[in-house]
Protein backbone atom coordinates (compact mmCIF):
# COMPACT_ATOMS: atom_id res chain seq x y z
CA MET A 1 17.98 3.95 78.86
CA ASP A 2 17.31 0.61 80.56
CA GLY A 3 14.40 -0.08 78.24
CA ILE A 4 16.37 0.29 74.99
CA ALA A 5 15.63 -2.63 72.65
CA GLY A 6 18.56 -5.02 72.27
CA LYS A 7 20.11 -4.16 75.65
CA LYS A 8 20.87 -7.28 77.68
CA SER A 9 19.01 -7.72 80.93
CA GLY A 10 20.95 -7.50 84.17
CA LEU A 11 19.45 -10.84 85.19
CA THR A 12 21.12 -12.76 82.37
CA TRP A 13 23.56 -14.27 84.85
CA ALA A 14 20.66 -15.59 86.93
CA VAL A 15 19.18 -17.29 83.88
CA HIS A 16 22.51 -18.91 83.04
CA ILE A 17 22.94 -20.18 86.61
CA SER A 18 19.41 -21.57 86.63
CA VAL A 19 20.02 -23.42 83.38
CA VAL A 20 23.27 -24.90 84.69
CA LEU A 21 21.54 -26.05 87.88
CA LEU A 22 18.69 -27.66 85.95
CA VAL A 23 21.12 -29.47 83.68
CA ALA A 24 23.13 -30.66 86.70
CA LEU A 25 20.01 -31.93 88.47
CA TRP A 26 19.20 -34.00 85.41
CA LEU A 27 22.75 -35.06 84.54
CA PHE A 28 24.13 -36.17 87.92
CA PRO A 29 21.60 -38.97 88.61
CA THR A 30 21.98 -40.26 85.06
CA LEU A 31 25.77 -40.21 85.33
CA GLY A 32 25.59 -41.95 88.71
CA LEU A 33 23.36 -44.66 87.25
CA LEU A 34 25.78 -45.20 84.35
CA ILE A 35 28.83 -45.50 86.62
CA SER A 36 27.03 -47.78 89.09
CA SER A 37 26.04 -50.12 86.26
CA PHE A 38 29.74 -50.93 85.71
CA ARG A 39 30.64 -51.42 89.39
CA THR A 40 30.61 -54.62 91.40
CA ALA A 41 28.26 -55.23 94.30
CA ASP A 42 31.11 -54.85 96.83
CA GLN A 43 32.20 -51.54 95.31
CA ILE A 44 28.66 -50.16 95.39
CA ALA A 45 28.28 -51.20 99.04
CA ALA A 46 31.63 -49.67 99.98
CA SER A 47 31.34 -46.19 98.42
CA GLY A 48 29.18 -43.90 96.32
CA TRP A 49 29.51 -43.58 92.56
CA TRP A 50 31.30 -40.22 92.93
CA ALA A 51 34.19 -42.06 94.62
CA SER A 52 34.38 -44.81 92.01
CA LEU A 53 37.75 -43.63 90.68
CA PHE A 54 39.43 -43.79 94.10
CA PRO A 55 40.36 -46.70 96.39
CA SER A 56 37.69 -47.51 98.96
CA GLU A 57 37.67 -49.10 102.40
CA GLN A 58 35.42 -52.05 103.13
CA THR A 59 35.05 -54.07 106.33
CA VAL A 60 34.52 -57.80 105.75
CA GLN A 61 34.31 -60.71 108.17
CA TYR A 62 36.68 -63.64 107.61
CA ARG A 63 37.62 -66.72 109.60
CA THR A 64 40.87 -68.48 110.19
CA GLY A 65 41.33 -72.07 109.08
CA ALA A 66 39.37 -74.76 110.91
CA PRO A 67 41.03 -76.59 113.84
CA ASP A 68 41.58 -79.65 111.65
CA THR A 69 44.15 -77.61 109.66
CA GLN A 70 46.38 -76.95 112.70
CA VAL A 71 50.00 -77.98 112.77
CA GLN A 72 52.07 -78.69 115.86
CA GLU A 73 55.35 -76.79 116.13
CA GLY A 74 57.23 -77.94 119.20
CA THR A 75 54.89 -77.37 122.13
CA SER A 76 52.64 -74.94 120.20
CA PHE A 77 49.76 -75.51 117.82
CA VAL A 78 49.60 -73.22 114.77
CA ILE A 79 46.99 -72.38 112.13
CA GLU A 80 48.29 -70.34 109.20
CA GLY A 81 46.87 -69.07 105.95
CA ASN A 82 45.73 -66.07 103.97
CA VAL A 83 42.20 -64.72 104.38
CA PHE A 84 41.93 -63.60 100.74
CA ASP A 85 43.18 -66.86 99.25
CA GLU A 86 40.86 -68.92 101.41
CA ALA A 87 37.89 -66.70 100.47
CA GLY A 88 38.76 -66.89 96.77
CA GLU A 89 39.24 -63.12 96.49
CA ASP A 90 41.94 -60.94 94.99
CA ARG A 91 44.47 -59.79 97.53
CA ALA A 92 44.11 -56.26 98.92
CA ASP A 93 45.86 -54.02 101.41
CA ILE A 94 44.59 -54.17 104.99
CA SER A 95 44.36 -50.90 106.90
CA ALA A 96 42.96 -52.23 110.22
CA TRP A 97 41.41 -55.33 111.73
CA GLY A 98 39.72 -56.59 114.89
CA THR A 99 38.32 -59.67 116.54
CA SER A 100 35.03 -58.11 117.71
CA ALA A 101 32.22 -56.46 115.75
CA ARG A 102 32.18 -53.72 118.40
CA ASP A 103 35.72 -52.63 117.49
CA VAL A 104 36.66 -53.66 113.96
CA SER A 105 39.70 -51.35 113.92
CA ALA A 106 41.29 -52.41 117.17
CA TYR A 107 44.57 -53.53 115.61
CA ALA A 108 46.88 -52.39 112.85
CA PRO A 109 48.42 -54.80 110.33
CA GLY A 110 51.19 -56.82 111.98
CA ASP A 111 49.75 -56.47 115.51
CA THR A 112 49.06 -59.51 117.65
CA ALA A 113 45.70 -59.91 119.37
CA ASP A 114 45.55 -61.84 122.66
CA MET A 115 42.43 -64.01 122.44
CA GLY A 116 42.81 -65.68 125.85
CA ASP A 117 42.25 -69.42 125.74
CA ASP A 118 41.93 -69.22 121.93
CA GLY A 119 45.56 -68.18 121.53
CA GLN A 120 47.27 -65.22 119.90
CA LEU A 121 46.34 -64.05 116.40
CA THR A 122 48.61 -62.02 114.13
CA LEU A 123 47.38 -60.55 110.82
CA GLN A 124 49.68 -59.00 108.26
CA GLY A 125 48.82 -56.26 105.76
CA ASP A 126 48.65 -58.72 102.83
CA GLY A 127 46.07 -60.95 104.55
CA THR A 128 48.48 -63.54 105.93
CA TYR A 129 47.54 -64.65 109.45
CA ARG A 130 49.09 -66.85 112.13
CA LEU A 131 47.08 -68.22 115.08
CA VAL A 132 49.20 -69.75 117.84
CA ASN A 133 48.11 -71.52 121.03
CA ASP A 134 49.83 -73.69 123.61
CA GLN A 135 46.77 -75.95 123.67
CA GLU A 136 45.28 -77.97 120.84
CA PHE A 137 42.52 -76.14 118.97
CA GLU A 138 39.08 -77.67 119.22
CA GLY A 139 35.76 -77.16 117.50
CA ARG A 140 34.65 -77.07 113.88
CA ARG A 141 35.09 -73.44 112.88
CA GLY A 142 37.95 -70.97 112.84
CA GLU A 143 38.19 -67.69 114.73
CA ARG A 144 36.46 -64.56 113.44
CA MET A 145 38.35 -61.58 112.04
CA PHE A 146 36.89 -58.26 110.96
CA VAL A 147 39.17 -56.92 108.25
CA THR A 148 39.10 -53.38 106.84
CA LYS A 149 40.64 -53.69 103.40
CA ILE A 150 41.50 -51.07 100.81
CA THR A 151 40.22 -52.09 97.40
CA PRO A 152 41.28 -50.37 94.15
CA PRO A 153 38.67 -49.06 91.70
CA GLU A 154 37.04 -51.91 89.80
CA PHE A 155 34.72 -51.87 86.81
CA THR A 156 33.12 -54.83 85.09
CA LEU A 157 30.88 -55.75 82.17
CA GLN A 158 29.47 -58.74 84.05
CA ASN A 159 26.41 -56.75 85.10
CA TYR A 160 25.46 -56.22 81.45
CA ARG A 161 26.19 -59.87 80.67
CA ASN A 162 23.78 -60.88 83.43
CA VAL A 163 21.10 -58.46 82.27
CA LEU A 164 21.42 -58.70 78.47
CA GLY A 165 23.52 -61.82 77.95
CA PRO A 166 22.42 -64.97 76.12
CA GLU A 167 21.30 -66.58 79.37
CA ASN A 168 18.96 -63.61 80.01
CA ARG A 169 18.65 -64.67 83.62
CA GLU A 170 17.09 -61.35 84.64
CA GLY A 171 14.53 -61.35 81.80
CA MET A 172 15.60 -57.90 80.63
CA LEU A 173 16.63 -58.91 77.11
CA LYS A 174 13.19 -60.24 76.27
CA ALA A 175 11.57 -57.27 77.98
CA PHE A 176 13.79 -54.95 75.90
CA PHE A 177 12.53 -56.40 72.62
CA ASN A 178 8.94 -56.46 73.95
CA THR A 179 9.25 -52.74 74.72
CA LEU A 180 10.54 -52.06 71.20
CA THR A 181 7.62 -54.05 69.81
CA VAL A 182 5.22 -51.82 71.72
CA THR A 183 6.97 -48.47 71.26
CA ILE A 184 7.79 -48.36 67.54
CA PRO A 185 4.27 -49.03 66.19
CA ALA A 186 2.71 -46.95 69.01
CA THR A 187 4.83 -44.01 67.82
CA ILE A 188 4.39 -44.41 64.06
CA ILE A 189 0.63 -45.09 63.97
CA PRO A 190 -0.53 -41.90 65.77
CA ILE A 191 1.87 -39.79 63.69
CA LEU A 192 0.38 -41.14 60.46
CA VAL A 193 -3.21 -40.65 61.60
CA ALA A 194 -2.58 -37.23 63.19
CA ALA A 195 -0.75 -35.89 60.15
CA PHE A 196 -3.78 -36.46 57.89
CA ALA A 197 -6.16 -35.10 60.51
CA ALA A 198 -4.00 -32.02 61.16
CA TYR A 199 -3.85 -31.18 57.45
CA ALA A 200 -7.62 -31.45 57.17
CA LEU A 201 -8.18 -29.20 60.18
CA ALA A 202 -5.61 -26.68 58.96
CA TRP A 203 -6.28 -26.36 55.22
CA MET A 204 -9.56 -28.04 54.28
CA ASP A 205 -12.94 -26.33 54.67
CA PHE A 206 -15.81 -28.54 55.85
CA PRO A 207 -18.76 -28.15 58.24
CA GLY A 208 -17.93 -28.61 61.92
CA ARG A 209 -14.19 -28.01 61.59
CA ALA A 210 -14.15 -25.49 64.44
CA LEU A 211 -16.01 -27.92 66.71
CA LEU A 212 -13.52 -30.66 65.94
CA ILE A 213 -10.61 -28.35 66.78
CA ALA A 214 -12.29 -27.43 70.07
CA ALA A 215 -12.87 -31.12 70.82
CA VAL A 216 -9.20 -31.91 70.22
CA VAL A 217 -8.15 -29.12 72.59
CA GLY A 218 -10.63 -30.36 75.19
CA LEU A 219 -9.30 -33.92 74.99
CA LEU A 220 -5.85 -32.67 75.98
CA VAL A 221 -7.02 -32.11 79.55
CA VAL A 222 -8.92 -35.39 79.96
CA PRO A 223 -6.98 -37.85 82.18
CA LEU A 224 -6.33 -41.12 80.39
CA GLN A 225 -7.18 -43.01 83.59
CA LEU A 226 -10.84 -42.24 82.96
CA ALA A 227 -10.79 -44.23 79.73
CA LEU A 228 -8.76 -47.26 80.83
CA ILE A 229 -11.55 -49.54 82.04
CA PRO A 230 -14.16 -48.65 79.34
CA LEU A 231 -11.52 -49.05 76.64
CA LEU A 232 -10.35 -52.38 78.07
CA LYS A 233 -13.94 -53.67 78.04
CA LEU A 234 -14.26 -52.60 74.42
CA HIS A 235 -11.03 -54.36 73.51
CA ASN A 236 -12.15 -57.54 75.23
CA GLU A 237 -15.47 -57.47 73.39
CA VAL A 238 -13.79 -57.20 69.98
CA GLY A 239 -11.09 -59.73 70.92
CA ILE A 240 -7.95 -57.55 71.07
CA GLY A 241 -7.57 -57.31 74.83
CA LYS A 242 -4.23 -58.21 76.48
CA GLY A 243 -2.21 -58.13 73.26
CA TYR A 244 0.07 -55.95 71.20
CA LEU A 245 -2.74 -54.72 68.93
CA GLY A 246 -4.73 -53.55 71.92
CA VAL A 247 -1.86 -51.61 73.47
CA TRP A 248 -0.95 -50.06 70.07
CA LEU A 249 -4.49 -48.76 69.64
CA ALA A 250 -4.63 -47.57 73.25
CA HIS A 251 -1.42 -45.55 72.88
CA THR A 252 -2.67 -44.24 69.55
CA GLY A 253 -5.94 -43.03 71.06
CA PHE A 254 -4.26 -41.41 74.05
CA GLY A 255 -1.58 -39.73 71.92
CA LEU A 256 -3.75 -38.41 69.08
CA PRO A 257 -5.05 -35.21 70.75
CA LEU A 258 -1.54 -33.87 71.42
CA ALA A 259 -0.32 -35.01 68.02
CA ILE A 260 -3.17 -33.34 66.14
CA TYR A 261 -2.81 -30.16 68.21
CA LEU A 262 0.95 -29.83 67.59
CA LEU A 263 0.82 -30.71 63.90
CA ARG A 264 -2.22 -28.56 63.17
CA ASN A 265 -0.59 -25.52 64.82
CA TYR A 266 2.52 -26.06 62.73
CA MET A 267 0.74 -26.66 59.43
CA VAL A 268 -1.55 -23.67 59.79
CA GLY A 269 1.54 -21.46 60.06
CA LEU A 270 2.95 -22.58 56.72
CA PRO A 271 2.83 -19.96 53.91
CA ARG A 272 -0.60 -19.93 52.29
CA ASP A 273 0.87 -18.94 48.94
CA ILE A 274 2.57 -22.32 48.58
CA ILE A 275 -0.71 -24.16 49.08
CA GLU A 276 -2.70 -21.90 46.77
CA ASN A 277 -0.06 -22.05 44.03
CA ALA A 278 -0.08 -25.82 44.17
CA LYS A 279 -3.87 -25.88 43.83
CA VAL A 280 -3.71 -23.50 40.87
CA ASP A 281 -1.24 -25.89 39.22
CA GLY A 282 -3.82 -28.67 39.61
CA ALA A 283 -2.41 -30.53 42.61
CA THR A 284 -4.88 -32.50 44.69
CA ASP A 285 -5.07 -32.28 48.48
CA PHE A 286 -3.31 -35.63 48.76
CA GLN A 287 -0.48 -34.49 46.50
CA ILE A 288 -0.14 -31.21 48.42
CA PHE A 289 -0.06 -33.13 51.68
CA MET A 290 2.53 -35.70 50.55
CA LYS A 291 4.87 -33.47 48.53
CA ILE A 292 4.64 -30.11 50.32
CA ILE A 293 3.13 -30.34 53.81
CA LEU A 294 4.92 -33.42 55.09
CA PRO A 295 8.46 -32.32 54.13
CA LEU A 296 7.88 -28.85 55.59
CA SER A 297 6.35 -30.32 58.78
CA PHE A 298 9.27 -32.56 59.68
CA PRO A 299 10.26 -30.51 62.80
CA ALA A 300 6.74 -30.87 64.22
CA LEU A 301 6.62 -34.57 63.35
CA ALA A 302 9.99 -35.13 65.04
CA SER A 303 8.88 -33.13 68.08
CA PHE A 304 5.82 -35.28 68.63
CA ALA A 305 7.78 -38.45 67.86
CA ILE A 306 10.11 -37.64 70.77
CA PHE A 307 7.21 -37.14 73.17
CA GLN A 308 5.32 -40.23 72.02
CA PHE A 309 8.40 -42.45 72.04
CA LEU A 310 9.42 -41.37 75.54
CA TRP A 311 5.89 -41.78 76.84
CA THR A 312 5.31 -45.25 75.42
CA TRP A 313 8.83 -46.47 76.28
CA ASN A 314 8.51 -45.42 79.93
CA ASP A 315 4.85 -46.38 80.25
CA LEU A 316 3.78 -48.83 82.93
CA LEU A 317 0.08 -48.14 83.52
CA VAL A 318 -1.18 -48.72 79.96
CA ALA A 319 1.04 -51.80 79.60
CA LEU A 320 -0.33 -53.26 82.84
CA VAL A 321 -3.92 -52.76 81.70
CA PHE A 322 -3.74 -53.68 78.03
CA LEU A 323 -0.72 -55.95 77.63
CA ILE A 324 0.65 -57.86 80.61
CA ASP A 325 -0.46 -61.51 80.75
CA ALA A 326 0.03 -64.27 83.30
CA THR A 327 2.83 -65.99 81.34
CA GLY A 328 5.06 -62.91 81.21
CA GLU A 329 5.77 -63.36 77.49
CA THR A 330 4.83 -59.75 76.76
CA THR A 331 6.39 -58.14 79.83
CA VAL A 332 7.87 -54.69 79.08
CA MET A 333 10.96 -53.22 80.73
CA THR A 334 9.12 -51.01 83.22
CA LYS A 335 7.23 -54.03 84.56
CA GLN A 336 10.38 -56.17 84.61
CA ILE A 337 12.23 -53.55 86.67
CA VAL A 338 9.36 -53.51 89.17
CA GLU A 339 9.69 -57.29 89.48
CA LEU A 340 13.45 -56.99 89.96
CA LEU A 341 12.86 -54.59 92.85
CA GLY A 342 11.09 -57.46 94.58
CA THR A 343 13.42 -60.32 93.65
CA ARG A 344 16.71 -58.41 93.43
CA GLY A 345 16.06 -55.52 95.82
CA GLY A 346 19.50 -55.88 97.41
CA ASN A 347 21.45 -56.31 94.18
CA TRP A 348 22.07 -52.66 93.37
CA GLU A 349 24.43 -53.51 90.52
CA ILE A 350 21.65 -55.42 88.72
CA LEU A 351 19.06 -52.73 89.39
CA ALA A 352 21.39 -49.93 88.23
CA THR A 353 22.26 -51.79 85.03
CA SER A 354 18.63 -52.60 84.26
CA ALA A 355 17.57 -49.02 84.91
CA PHE A 356 20.28 -47.59 82.66
CA VAL A 357 19.40 -50.01 79.87
CA SER A 358 15.82 -48.78 80.12
CA ILE A 359 16.82 -45.12 79.72
CA ALA A 360 19.63 -45.57 77.17
CA VAL A 361 17.36 -45.78 74.12
CA PRO A 362 15.25 -42.71 75.08
CA LEU A 363 18.47 -40.76 75.62
CA ILE A 364 19.71 -41.70 72.16
CA VAL A 365 16.39 -40.76 70.57
CA PHE A 366 16.24 -37.45 72.44
CA PHE A 367 19.77 -36.31 71.62
CA ALA A 368 19.42 -37.42 68.00
CA MET A 369 16.24 -35.39 67.46
CA GLN A 370 16.40 -32.66 70.11
CA ARG A 371 17.23 -29.94 67.56
CA TYR A 372 13.70 -30.32 66.19
CA LEU A 373 12.02 -30.27 69.60
CA VAL A 374 11.90 -26.51 70.22
CA ARG A 375 11.06 -25.74 66.59
CA GLY A 376 8.12 -28.11 66.75
CA LEU A 377 6.85 -26.90 70.14
CA LEU A 378 6.96 -23.22 69.14
CA ALA A 379 5.19 -23.88 65.86
CA GLY A 380 2.24 -21.55 65.37
CA SER A 381 3.00 -19.50 68.49
CA VAL A 382 4.30 -16.49 66.52
CA LYS A 383 2.67 -15.04 63.44
């Protein structure tokens, strides 16, 4: 009875768990990147993104006021102040402090540390300190304090202002529009060309059609790296190298085999009666293509559009070969992020924001058109 049609498999639970795990593996890094893009540099250094909603502890080095700020009280010399006010920071609660990097939690708030000839230092939980000595303080710098402070959760839009603001100090705003300039035409052009070619291979009889279909299938397995240098030489000879036109045509050429394959498989599965009835009524191939085939093929067109858009938006190799120039006027986002890794490698808040900006548009495109993805990919697989 186990083989009865319609009976659910006993491994259904395993499939569901696998799907949940795959979704989690994809979702958690994206969510972490989004949260990190709104956090400050100190918050990112203090705790992971999963702890962003909770207070975090951070150990920071401060110094007391310089000896020239001391005040004499009777026979004692005193330096007072607040470590947060002097550092220009918001006040926070102190959980522990120390005078040596080897033991940063030696004292609790309110304790007094005996610093020998340098006097006695007392630090309160709100950051107020008092350094007292029976001898006059000398030197140019104050005494070191290692303070472990508890900071509340903090989120900011300043990271996005730095990355996409009018000043565009990180170069990401210009790179964003450069990427749009590359991606939109590089997605539309191959769809237009492949749609006509797919219709011809699916519904028009002409000599060599089978060979062309075989050639398209064969081109799917050819690595694009093999064609980079020959194609760049050709572009330079005709005068379109290192420009938008060159990269549009390169993406078109590399994307056409998959586009023709997907669209042809979908179109050949459309009901033949519709095509034949249209021809009987006197419709030309162009009219059939424009008024019947294209509207019915929208799922396949959307499916390829998702693939092509994601590929061109996230592309670095083709952009480096066919687009990037010495002035940086045509730098795309992938190249700009690579440059930020070198110049801003320690600024995780800038890197996280730039990375999320680069994936935000593909996410919007994918979720807006994902309902057509499976329909387009399965086109022609079942008769």
